[in-house]
Amino acid sequence: MSERNNKRKRQRNKRFKEDPQILPSPSHSSKRSKLKEPSSFLDKMRARLSGGHFRMINEKLYTCTGEEALDYFQGEPSLFNLLHLRLTFKTDKYHAGYKSQMSNWPEQPVNVIIKWLKKQSPSFVIADFGCGEALIAKSVKNKVFSLDLVSNDPNVIACDMANSPLVSSSIDVAVFCLSLMGTNYQSYLEESYRVLKPGGYLLIAEVKSRFDPNNGGADPEKFSNAISELGFKSVKQDFSNKMFILFYFTKKEKQISKKKEIEWPMLKPCLYKRR
């Protein structure tokens, strides 16, 4: 009888290696725990998978240019297979991981931005750079151009954010919500300057640790000054949240004819620890 049970366990474990939806046999557990284990195990597996995909892709996005990231996503859609689990990467894997990582934040920066937008004119045209799940477009009555590297959503424009298809001086509000991720982030801001109308708003929300000079982060004042040199006026900096910083700028009415070379501070990559 014992040999028969061991054989069944070996067969079950073999099937688990071939199909992740089948659980391996527990070595020591009661009947009660056996009934509860599948749900618990699968939940943990899904959470680890989602978080693992997110960390891997997140690290790539923070350490390459926007153009390289676009090629990375579009050219190798199956690059993110997870070993023998045979789970093919899709765009929503990153967004699922993002939601998982953000679920512990007491307040979401996108919600703060949405509240601000709802107080502005409904006629304002918005460009959401690095829109993710396009929550802004789903939450306000304004016309919103949602832009991201790749998307399965037909309402999202897939593009390199440094080279968007938006018309020059056509946008009232440009938003970067945790999306200044590439090593060439300044080119995204230059693109926002191009598409914004004079007097238009630039809103940036970023993780606070990226602006901690004592911890390898950028000096927020140097960052703000660099954007001002691009042709913006600093309106407000909000440090009230413990997780993120909000910067508010407006595009200067009088455009700078000849810009001097701007010294952009390097933003610290926001890399999540592997557990």
C-alpha atoms as a PDB file:
ATOM      1  CA  MET A   1       0.000   0.000   0.000  1.00  0.00           C
ATOM      2  CA  SER A   2       2.863   2.332   0.923  1.00  0.00           C
ATOM      3  CA  GLU A   3       4.639   1.637  -2.373  1.00  0.00           C
ATOM      4  CA  ARG A   4       1.426   2.360  -4.286  1.00  0.00           C
ATOM      5  CA  ASN A   5       1.009   5.711  -2.510  1.00  0.00           C
ATOM      6  CA  ASN A   6       4.624   6.649  -3.215  1.00  0.00           C
ATOM      7  CA  LYS A   7       4.114   5.792  -6.884  1.00  0.00           C
ATOM      8  CA  ARG A   8       1.042   8.021  -7.030  1.00  0.00           C
ATOM      9  CA  LYS A   9       3.013  10.887  -5.465  1.00  0.00           C
ATOM     10  CA  ARG A  10       5.817  10.472  -8.004  1.00  0.00           C
ATOM     11  CA  GLN A  11       3.318  10.498 -10.880  1.00  0.00           C
ATOM     12  CA  ARG A  12       1.590  13.580  -9.451  1.00  0.00           C
ATOM     13  CA  ASN A  13       4.878  15.441  -9.031  1.00  0.00           C
ATOM     14  CA  LYS A  14       5.868  14.540 -12.590  1.00  0.00           C
ATOM     15  CA  ARG A  15       2.591  15.991 -13.885  1.00  0.00           C
ATOM     16  CA  PHE A  16       3.211  19.155 -11.852  1.00  0.00           C
ATOM     17  CA  LYS A  17       6.470  19.745 -13.696  1.00  0.00           C
ATOM     18  CA  GLU A  18       4.558  19.529 -16.970  1.00  0.00           C
ATOM     19  CA  ASP A  19       1.513  21.551 -15.904  1.00  0.00           C
ATOM     20  CA  PRO A  20       1.681  24.351 -13.296  1.00  0.00           C
ATOM     21  CA  GLN A  21      -2.039  24.090 -12.604  1.00  0.00           C
ATOM     22  CA  ILE A  22      -1.523  20.664 -10.971  1.00  0.00           C
ATOM     23  CA  LEU A  23      -0.172  20.794  -7.463  1.00  0.00           C
ATOM     24  CA  PRO A  24       2.619  18.599  -6.131  1.00  0.00           C
ATOM     25  CA  SER A  25       1.759  16.149  -3.386  1.00  0.00           C
ATOM     26  CA  PRO A  26       2.405  17.442   0.111  1.00  0.00           C
ATOM     27  CA  SER A  27       4.768  15.238   2.042  1.00  0.00           C
ATOM     28  CA  HIS A  28       3.089  15.582   5.449  1.00  0.00           C
ATOM     29  CA  SER A  29      -0.357  17.074   5.883  1.00  0.00           C
ATOM     30  CA  SER A  30      -3.779  16.235   7.197  1.00  0.00           C
ATOM     31  CA  LYS A  31      -6.899  15.799   5.065  1.00  0.00           C
ATOM     32  CA  ARG A  32      -8.054  19.230   6.120  1.00  0.00           C
ATOM     33  CA  SER A  33      -4.835  20.940   5.035  1.00  0.00           C
ATOM     34  CA  LYS A  34      -4.872  19.026   1.739  1.00  0.00           C
ATOM     35  CA  LEU A  35      -8.226  20.578   0.909  1.00  0.00           C
ATOM     36  CA  LYS A  36      -7.008  24.100   1.657  1.00  0.00           C
ATOM     37  CA  GLU A  37      -3.561  23.867   0.111  1.00  0.00           C
ATOM     38  CA  PRO A  38      -4.400  24.176  -3.639  1.00  0.00           C
ATOM     39  CA  SER A  39      -5.954  27.632  -3.278  1.00  0.00           C
ATOM     40  CA  SER A  40      -3.173  28.842  -0.998  1.00  0.00           C
ATOM     41  CA  PHE A  41      -0.410  27.445  -3.179  1.00  0.00           C
ATOM     42  CA  LEU A  42      -1.844  28.814  -6.422  1.00  0.00           C
ATOM     43  CA  ASP A  43      -2.387  32.235  -4.895  1.00  0.00           C
ATOM     44  CA  LYS A  44       1.244  32.339  -3.772  1.00  0.00           C
ATOM     45  CA  MET A  45       2.434  31.077  -7.160  1.00  0.00           C
ATOM     46  CA  ARG A  46       0.427  33.704  -9.027  1.00  0.00           C
ATOM     47  CA  ALA A  47       1.648  36.464  -6.715  1.00  0.00           C
ATOM     48  CA  ARG A  48       5.280  35.415  -7.134  1.00  0.00           C
ATOM     49  CA  LEU A  49       4.872  35.111 -10.888  1.00  0.00           C
ATOM     50  CA  SER A  50       3.225  38.518 -11.193  1.00  0.00           C
ATOM     51  CA  GLY A  51       5.783  40.191  -8.925  1.00  0.00           C
ATOM     52  CA  GLY A  52       8.699  38.392 -10.567  1.00  0.00           C
ATOM     53  CA  HIS A  53       7.651  39.445 -14.057  1.00  0.00           C
ATOM     54  CA  PHE A  54       7.148  42.986 -12.844  1.00  0.00           C
ATOM     55  CA  ARG A  55      10.578  43.247 -11.225  1.00  0.00           C
ATOM     56  CA  MET A  56      12.326  41.854 -14.296  1.00  0.00           C
ATOM     57  CA  ILE A  57      10.558  44.140 -16.769  1.00  0.00           C
ATOM     58  CA  ASN A  58      10.691  47.098 -14.381  1.00  0.00           C
ATOM     59  CA  GLU A  59      14.482  46.795 -14.107  1.00  0.00           C
ATOM     60  CA  LYS A  60      14.789  46.671 -17.885  1.00  0.00           C
ATOM     61  CA  LEU A  61      12.665  49.797 -18.330  1.00  0.00           C
ATOM     62  CA  TYR A  62      14.696  51.802 -15.820  1.00  0.00           C
ATOM     63  CA  THR A  63      18.062  50.849 -17.325  1.00  0.00           C
ATOM     64  CA  CYS A  64      17.573  51.365 -21.068  1.00  0.00           C
ATOM     65  CA  THR A  65      16.414  54.096 -23.422  1.00  0.00           C
ATOM     66  CA  GLY A  66      12.802  54.433 -24.529  1.00  0.00           C
ATOM     67  CA  GLU A  67      13.686  53.276 -28.036  1.00  0.00           C
ATOM     68  CA  GLU A  68      15.438  50.182 -26.682  1.00  0.00           C
ATOM     69  CA  ALA A  69      12.446  49.450 -24.438  1.00  0.00           C
ATOM     70  CA  LEU A  70      10.070  49.725 -27.398  1.00  0.00           C
ATOM     71  CA  ASP A  71      12.170  47.265 -29.395  1.00  0.00           C
ATOM     72  CA  TYR A  72      12.398  44.999 -26.347  1.00  0.00           C
ATOM     73  CA  PHE A  73       8.635  44.802 -25.939  1.00  0.00           C
ATOM     74  CA  GLN A  74       7.662  44.605 -29.588  1.00  0.00           C
ATOM     75  CA  GLY A  75      10.485  42.426 -30.889  1.00  0.00           C
ATOM     76  CA  GLU A  76      10.509  39.683 -28.253  1.00  0.00           C
ATOM     77  CA  PRO A  77       6.965  39.166 -26.967  1.00  0.00           C
ATOM     78  CA  SER A  78       7.831  35.676 -25.713  1.00  0.00           C
ATOM     79  CA  LEU A  79      11.037  36.750 -23.975  1.00  0.00           C
ATOM     80  CA  PHE A  80       9.397  36.569 -20.580  1.00  0.00           C
ATOM     81  CA  ASN A  81       8.552  32.849 -20.525  1.00  0.00           C
ATOM     82  CA  LEU A  82       9.069  31.648 -16.999  1.00  0.00           C
ATOM     83  CA  LEU A  83      11.261  28.569 -17.373  1.00  0.00           C
ATOM     84  CA  HIS A  84       9.249  25.327 -17.406  1.00  0.00           C
ATOM     85  CA  LEU A  85       5.975  26.995 -16.383  1.00  0.00           C
ATOM     86  CA  ARG A  86       5.518  27.978 -20.044  1.00  0.00           C
ATOM     87  CA  LEU A  87       3.744  31.223 -19.246  1.00  0.00           C
ATOM     88  CA  THR A  88       4.065  33.690 -22.114  1.00  0.00           C
ATOM     89  CA  PHE A  89       4.507  37.349 -21.333  1.00  0.00           C
ATOM     90  CA  LYS A  90       1.664  39.704 -22.207  1.00  0.00           C
ATOM     91  CA  THR A  91       1.445  43.435 -21.611  1.00  0.00           C
ATOM     92  CA  ASP A  92      -0.932  42.960 -18.689  1.00  0.00           C
ATOM     93  CA  LYS A  93       1.721  40.965 -16.782  1.00  0.00           C
ATOM     94  CA  TYR A  94       3.616  44.188 -16.148  1.00  0.00           C
ATOM     95  CA  HIS A  95       0.453  46.034 -15.198  1.00  0.00           C
ATOM     96  CA  ALA A  96      -0.621  43.197 -12.885  1.00  0.00           C
ATOM     97  CA  GLY A  97       2.780  43.295 -11.186  1.00  0.00           C
ATOM     98  CA  TYR A  98       2.592  47.075 -10.984  1.00  0.00           C
ATOM     99  CA  LYS A  99      -0.775  46.864  -9.232  1.00  0.00           C
ATOM    100  CA  SER A 100       0.603  44.228  -6.879  1.00  0.00           C
ATOM    101  CA  GLN A 101       3.587  46.407  -5.918  1.00  0.00           C
ATOM    102  CA  MET A 102       1.437  49.538  -5.574  1.00  0.00           C
ATOM    103  CA  SER A 103      -1.255  47.883  -3.455  1.00  0.00           C
ATOM    104  CA  ASN A 104       0.733  48.637  -0.285  1.00  0.00           C
ATOM    105  CA  TRP A 105       0.870  52.382  -0.948  1.00  0.00           C
ATOM    106  CA  PRO A 106      -1.578  54.320   1.262  1.00  0.00           C
ATOM    107  CA  GLU A 107      -2.341  56.679  -1.632  1.00  0.00           C
ATOM    108  CA  GLN A 108      -1.905  56.297  -5.378  1.00  0.00           C
ATOM    109  CA  PRO A 109      -0.327  59.264  -7.205  1.00  0.00           C
ATOM    110  CA  VAL A 110      -2.609  58.751 -10.194  1.00  0.00           C
ATOM    111  CA  ASN A 111      -5.623  59.359  -7.954  1.00  0.00           C
ATOM    112  CA  VAL A 112      -4.114  62.641  -6.724  1.00  0.00           C
ATOM    113  CA  ILE A 113      -3.592  63.690 -10.346  1.00  0.00           C
ATOM    114  CA  ILE A 114      -7.144  62.680 -11.284  1.00  0.00           C
ATOM    115  CA  LYS A 115      -8.535  64.809  -8.438  1.00  0.00           C
ATOM    116  CA  TRP A 116      -6.496  67.778  -9.707  1.00  0.00           C
ATOM    117  CA  LEU A 117      -7.661  67.247 -13.294  1.00  0.00           C
ATOM    118  CA  LYS A 118     -11.314  67.140 -12.264  1.00  0.00           C
ATOM    119  CA  LYS A 119     -10.921  70.658 -10.869  1.00  0.00           C
ATOM    120  CA  GLN A 120      -9.652  71.963 -14.224  1.00  0.00           C
ATOM    121  CA  SER A 121     -11.602  72.833 -17.347  1.00  0.00           C
ATOM    122  CA  PRO A 122     -13.309  69.834 -19.000  1.00  0.00           C
ATOM    123  CA  SER A 123     -12.167  71.271 -22.322  1.00  0.00           C
ATOM    124  CA  PHE A 124      -8.508  70.638 -21.474  1.00  0.00           C
ATOM    125  CA  VAL A 125      -6.842  68.054 -23.712  1.00  0.00           C
ATOM    126  CA  ILE A 126      -4.597  65.693 -21.755  1.00  0.00           C
ATOM    127  CA  ALA A 127      -1.612  63.586 -22.781  1.00  0.00           C
ATOM    128  CA  ASP A 128      -0.946  60.730 -20.364  1.00  0.00           C
ATOM    129  CA  PHE A 129       2.645  59.624 -21.008  1.00  0.00           C
ATOM    130  CA  GLY A 130       3.193  56.060 -19.793  1.00  0.00           C
ATOM    131  CA  CYS A 131      -0.506  55.605 -19.100  1.00  0.00           C
ATOM    132  CA  GLY A 132      -0.436  51.934 -18.028  1.00  0.00           C
ATOM    133  CA  GLU A 133      -4.070  50.881 -17.761  1.00  0.00           C
ATOM    134  CA  ALA A 134      -5.220  54.336 -18.918  1.00  0.00           C
ATOM    135  CA  LEU A 135      -6.922  55.096 -15.602  1.00  0.00           C
ATOM    136  CA  ILE A 136      -6.886  58.846 -16.241  1.00  0.00           C
ATOM    137  CA  ALA A 137      -8.801  58.454 -19.510  1.00  0.00           C
ATOM    138  CA  LYS A 138     -11.333  56.242 -17.718  1.00  0.00           C
ATOM    139  CA  SER A 139     -11.782  58.703 -14.852  1.00  0.00           C
ATOM    140  CA  VAL A 140     -12.194  62.152 -16.416  1.00  0.00           C
ATOM    141  CA  LYS A 141     -14.510  63.669 -19.015  1.00  0.00           C
ATOM    142  CA  ASN A 142     -11.661  65.381 -20.872  1.00  0.00           C
ATOM    143  CA  LYS A 143     -10.216  64.171 -24.127  1.00  0.00           C
ATOM    144  CA  VAL A 144      -7.173  62.105 -23.164  1.00  0.00           C
ATOM    145  CA  PHE A 145      -4.400  60.776 -25.362  1.00  0.00           C
ATOM    146  CA  SER A 146      -3.107  57.709 -23.531  1.00  0.00           C
ATOM    147  CA  LEU A 147       0.420  56.733 -24.566  1.00  0.00           C
ATOM    148  CA  ASP A 148       2.510  53.726 -23.602  1.00  0.00           C
ATOM    149  CA  LEU A 149       5.187  51.437 -25.041  1.00  0.00           C
ATOM    150  CA  VAL A 150       2.795  48.662 -25.974  1.00  0.00           C
ATOM    151  CA  SER A 151      -0.852  47.952 -25.343  1.00  0.00           C
ATOM    152  CA  ASN A 152      -3.666  45.576 -26.141  1.00  0.00           C
ATOM    153  CA  ASP A 153      -6.085  48.458 -25.623  1.00  0.00           C
ATOM    154  CA  PRO A 154      -7.099  50.114 -28.929  1.00  0.00           C
ATOM    155  CA  ASN A 155      -7.554  53.398 -27.046  1.00  0.00           C
ATOM    156  CA  VAL A 156      -3.877  53.499 -26.062  1.00  0.00           C
ATOM    157  CA  ILE A 157      -1.280  54.808 -28.512  1.00  0.00           C
ATOM    158  CA  ALA A 158       1.765  52.511 -28.544  1.00  0.00           C
ATOM    159  CA  CYS A 159       4.913  54.573 -29.151  1.00  0.00           C
ATOM    160  CA  ASP A 160       8.290  55.682 -27.909  1.00  0.00           C
ATOM    161  CA  MET A 161       7.338  58.556 -25.600  1.00  0.00           C
ATOM    162  CA  ALA A 162      10.234  60.599 -26.963  1.00  0.00           C
ATOM    163  CA  ASN A 163       8.617  60.511 -30.387  1.00  0.00           C
ATOM    164  CA  SER A 164       4.845  60.629 -30.050  1.00  0.00           C
ATOM    165  CA  PRO A 165       2.411  61.202 -32.935  1.00  0.00           C
ATOM    166  CA  LEU A 166       0.796  64.154 -31.134  1.00  0.00           C
ATOM    167  CA  VAL A 167       0.615  67.514 -32.896  1.00  0.00           C
ATOM    168  CA  SER A 168       2.851  70.318 -31.617  1.00  0.00           C
ATOM    169  CA  SER A 169       1.220  72.810 -29.211  1.00  0.00           C
ATOM    170  CA  SER A 170      -2.020  70.802 -29.063  1.00  0.00           C
ATOM    171  CA  ILE A 171      -2.096  69.638 -25.431  1.00  0.00           C
ATOM    172  CA  ASP A 172      -3.249  71.477 -22.284  1.00  0.00           C
ATOM    173  CA  VAL A 173      -1.928  69.016 -19.684  1.00  0.00           C
ATOM    174  CA  ALA A 174       0.929  66.514 -19.977  1.00  0.00           C
ATOM    175  CA  VAL A 175       1.149  63.858 -17.259  1.00  0.00           C
ATOM    176  CA  PHE A 176       4.033  61.585 -16.271  1.00  0.00           C
ATOM    177  CA  CYS A 177       2.836  59.396 -13.431  1.00  0.00           C
ATOM    178  CA  LEU A 178       5.731  57.150 -12.351  1.00  0.00           C
ATOM    179  CA  SER A 179       6.747  56.926 -16.001  1.00  0.00           C
ATOM    180  CA  LEU A 180      10.113  58.739 -16.284  1.00  0.00           C
ATOM    181  CA  MET A 181      11.760  55.348 -16.468  1.00  0.00           C
ATOM    182  CA  GLY A 182      14.239  55.402 -19.339  1.00  0.00           C
ATOM    183  CA  THR A 183      17.854  56.507 -19.139  1.00  0.00           C
ATOM    184  CA  ASN A 184      16.896  59.204 -21.674  1.00  0.00           C
ATOM    185  CA  TYR A 185      13.986  60.518 -19.575  1.00  0.00           C
ATOM    186  CA  GLN A 186      14.851  64.086 -20.558  1.00  0.00           C
ATOM    187  CA  SER A 187      13.796  63.346 -24.139  1.00  0.00           C
ATOM    188  CA  TYR A 188      10.292  62.498 -22.848  1.00  0.00           C
ATOM    189  CA  LEU A 189      10.139  65.890 -21.164  1.00  0.00           C
ATOM    190  CA  GLU A 190      11.369  67.573 -24.327  1.00  0.00           C
ATOM    191  CA  GLU A 191       8.531  65.831 -26.170  1.00  0.00           C
ATOM    192  CA  SER A 192       6.032  67.111 -23.613  1.00  0.00           C
ATOM    193  CA  TYR A 193       7.363  70.630 -24.202  1.00  0.00           C
ATOM    194  CA  ARG A 194       6.808  70.193 -27.936  1.00  0.00           C
ATOM    195  CA  VAL A 195       3.188  69.029 -27.655  1.00  0.00           C
ATOM    196  CA  LEU A 196       2.074  71.394 -24.864  1.00  0.00           C
ATOM    197  CA  LYS A 197       0.414  74.689 -25.617  1.00  0.00           C
ATOM    198  CA  PRO A 198       2.052  77.803 -24.136  1.00  0.00           C
ATOM    199  CA  GLY A 199       0.672  78.041 -20.608  1.00  0.00           C
ATOM    200  CA  GLY A 200      -0.066  74.310 -20.563  1.00  0.00           C
ATOM    201  CA  TYR A 201       0.564  72.197 -17.469  1.00  0.00           C
ATOM    202  CA  LEU A 202       3.203  69.547 -16.898  1.00  0.00           C
ATOM    203  CA  LEU A 203       2.518  67.184 -13.980  1.00  0.00           C
ATOM    204  CA  ILE A 204       5.155  64.708 -12.797  1.00  0.00           C
ATOM    205  CA  ALA A 205       4.719  62.136 -10.037  1.00  0.00           C
ATOM    206  CA  GLU A 206       7.781  60.110  -9.076  1.00  0.00           C
ATOM    207  CA  VAL A 207       8.889  57.757  -6.322  1.00  0.00           C
ATOM    208  CA  LYS A 208      10.363  59.753  -3.455  1.00  0.00           C
ATOM    209  CA  SER A 209      13.499  57.622  -3.162  1.00  0.00           C
ATOM    210  CA  ARG A 210      14.555  58.734  -6.652  1.00  0.00           C
ATOM    211  CA  PHE A 211      14.963  62.254  -5.231  1.00  0.00           C
ATOM    212  CA  ASP A 212      16.917  61.510  -2.088  1.00  0.00           C
ATOM    213  CA  PRO A 213      20.464  62.911  -2.625  1.00  0.00           C
ATOM    214  CA  ASN A 214      21.631  61.207   0.567  1.00  0.00           C
ATOM    215  CA  ASN A 215      20.697  57.830  -0.877  1.00  0.00           C
ATOM    216  CA  GLY A 216      21.978  58.099  -4.429  1.00  0.00           C
ATOM    217  CA  GLY A 217      18.934  59.951  -5.717  1.00  0.00           C
ATOM    218  CA  ALA A 218      18.737  63.217  -7.632  1.00  0.00           C
ATOM    219  CA  ASP A 219      18.462  66.607  -5.975  1.00  0.00           C
ATOM    220  CA  PRO A 220      14.811  67.660  -6.565  1.00  0.00           C
ATOM    221  CA  GLU A 221      15.868  71.293  -6.965  1.00  0.00           C
ATOM    222  CA  LYS A 222      18.373  70.436  -9.706  1.00  0.00           C
ATOM    223  CA  PHE A 223      15.687  68.366 -11.415  1.00  0.00           C
ATOM    224  CA  SER A 224      13.202  71.217 -11.197  1.00  0.00           C
ATOM    225  CA  ASN A 225      15.788  73.738 -12.430  1.00  0.00           C
ATOM    226  CA  ALA A 226      16.619  71.569 -15.448  1.00  0.00           C
ATOM    227  CA  ILE A 227      12.936  71.450 -16.418  1.00  0.00           C
ATOM    228  CA  SER A 228      12.717  75.218 -15.961  1.00  0.00           C
ATOM    229  CA  GLU A 229      15.662  75.660 -18.323  1.00  0.00           C
ATOM    230  CA  LEU A 230      13.759  73.568 -20.867  1.00  0.00           C
ATOM    231  CA  GLY A 231      11.091  76.282 -20.960  1.00  0.00           C
ATOM    232  CA  PHE A 232       8.811  75.616 -17.991  1.00  0.00           C
ATOM    233  CA  LYS A 233       7.942  77.540 -14.846  1.00  0.00           C
ATOM    234  CA  SER A 234       7.805  75.676 -11.540  1.00  0.00           C
ATOM    235  CA  VAL A 235       4.406  76.152  -9.908  1.00  0.00           C
ATOM    236  CA  LYS A 236       4.452  73.718  -6.999  1.00  0.00           C
ATOM    237  CA  GLN A 237       6.318  70.803  -5.444  1.00  0.00           C
ATOM    238  CA  ASP A 238       4.328  68.495  -3.191  1.00  0.00           C
ATOM    239  CA  PHE A 239       6.409  66.428  -0.746  1.00  0.00           C
ATOM    240  CA  SER A 240       3.485  65.641   1.566  1.00  0.00           C
ATOM    241  CA  ASN A 241       3.174  61.977   0.604  1.00  0.00           C
ATOM    242  CA  LYS A 242       5.752  59.604   2.082  1.00  0.00           C
ATOM    243  CA  MET A 243       5.910  57.458  -1.081  1.00  0.00           C
ATOM    244  CA  PHE A 244       6.031  59.932  -3.968  1.00  0.00           C
ATOM    245  CA  ILE A 245       6.703  63.537  -4.990  1.00  0.00           C
ATOM    246  CA  LEU A 246       4.498  65.649  -7.258  1.00  0.00           C
ATOM    247  CA  PHE A 247       5.919  68.400  -9.457  1.00  0.00           C
ATOM    248  CA  TYR A 248       3.668  70.977 -11.155  1.00  0.00           C
ATOM    249  CA  PHE A 249       4.962  73.143 -14.012  1.00  0.00           C
ATOM    250  CA  THR A 250       3.513  75.377 -16.709  1.00  0.00           C
ATOM    251  CA  LYS A 251       5.001  75.930 -20.136  1.00  0.00           C
ATOM    252  CA  LYS A 252       6.257  79.500 -20.453  1.00  0.00           C
ATOM    253  CA  GLU A 253       4.249  81.692 -22.797  1.00  0.00           C
ATOM    254  CA  LYS A 254       7.383  83.067 -24.423  1.00  0.00           C
ATOM    255  CA  GLN A 255       9.345  80.248 -26.003  1.00  0.00           C
ATOM    256  CA  ILE A 256      13.113  80.185 -25.721  1.00  0.00           C
ATOM    257  CA  SER A 257      14.594  80.696 -29.188  1.00  0.00           C
ATOM    258  CA  LYS A 258      17.964  79.150 -28.426  1.00  0.00           C
ATOM    259  CA  LYS A 259      18.247  76.747 -25.528  1.00  0.00           C
ATOM    260  CA  LYS A 260      21.571  76.186 -23.850  1.00  0.00           C
ATOM    261  CA  GLU A 261      22.669  72.656 -23.080  1.00  0.00           C
ATOM    262  CA  ILE A 262      20.843  71.462 -19.979  1.00  0.00           C
ATOM    263  CA  GLU A 263      22.550  69.452 -17.254  1.00  0.00           C
ATOM    264  CA  TRP A 264      20.001  66.799 -16.418  1.00  0.00           C
ATOM    265  CA  PRO A 265      20.495  64.997 -13.097  1.00  0.00           C
ATOM    266  CA  MET A 266      20.522  61.228 -13.281  1.00  0.00           C
ATOM    267  CA  LEU A 267      17.404  59.766 -11.696  1.00  0.00           C
ATOM    268  CA  LYS A 268      17.992  56.787  -9.451  1.00  0.00           C
ATOM    269  CA  PRO A 269      16.448  53.615 -10.941  1.00  0.00           C
ATOM    270  CA  CYS A 270      13.548  52.365  -8.860  1.00  0.00           C
ATOM    271  CA  LEU A 271      14.462  48.684  -8.553  1.00  0.00           C
ATOM    272  CA  TYR A 272      12.490  46.323  -6.358  1.00  0.00           C
ATOM    273  CA  LYS A 273      14.209  43.790  -4.139  1.00  0.00           C
ATOM    274  CA  ARG A 274      13.987  40.154  -5.129  1.00  0.00           C
ATOM    275  CA  ARG A 275      12.500  37.966  -2.444  1.00  0.00           C
END
